[in-house]
Every structure is written in structure tokens, then in C-alpha cells.
Amino acid sequence: MADPTLKSDSGNPFTSVPVEITISVGKARPLIGDLLNMNENSVLPLDKRVDDPVELYVGDKLIARGELEEMEGGQEGQLAVRLTEVAEFESGL
């Protein structure tokens, strides 16, 4: 796990560059025939349960795991992720 007491280097110009993180909630493996028969109200089952951890990726690198949450207050209804594991730069997750 990463040390939460470590601070980013504010003198480093890369610390202000945004990065896109992909949150993976699961995978589906339908048959092609089932996929072709899907319509607007079809349900695609995933290989995960609602309470299972989600995985966070930058590119193809797993950087963290967490739990989905719903934001409260002014952002009620918006999804968020509470991190439960964070990769260390040297060894990964």
C-alpha cells in the first residue's frame, strides 16, 4: 500500500497534468447470438456482484481497488469510488 503521509512534489510540473482513470466494474461474455438479439431493455449480466470491489486502471495498469459509493449533498446521485487498496509505484498492487 502507498504511504498516505507522502506528499506529491509540488515543484514537479507533471503533478498538474490530468490523467484519465478507468473504473472496471466487471466483464460480460455473451454469445454473439445473444448480443445480436439485445435491445434497449436487455440486461447484460456481469461477472461481479454489486458489493464486489471495483478496479481502477491508468491505461492497462491496475493502480487501485475500491468500493462504489453514491455522492451525498449537492452531488447526490453521482457515483464515486472509495479506495481500499492503492498500488505502490515500485511493486504494483
Foldseek 3Di string as FASTA:
>chain_A
DDDPVDDDDPVDPCVPDDADKDKAPFDFDDDVVVVVPDDDPDDTDGPDDQADWIFIDRPNATFFIFHWDADDDPRGPDIDTDTDGGADPPPGD
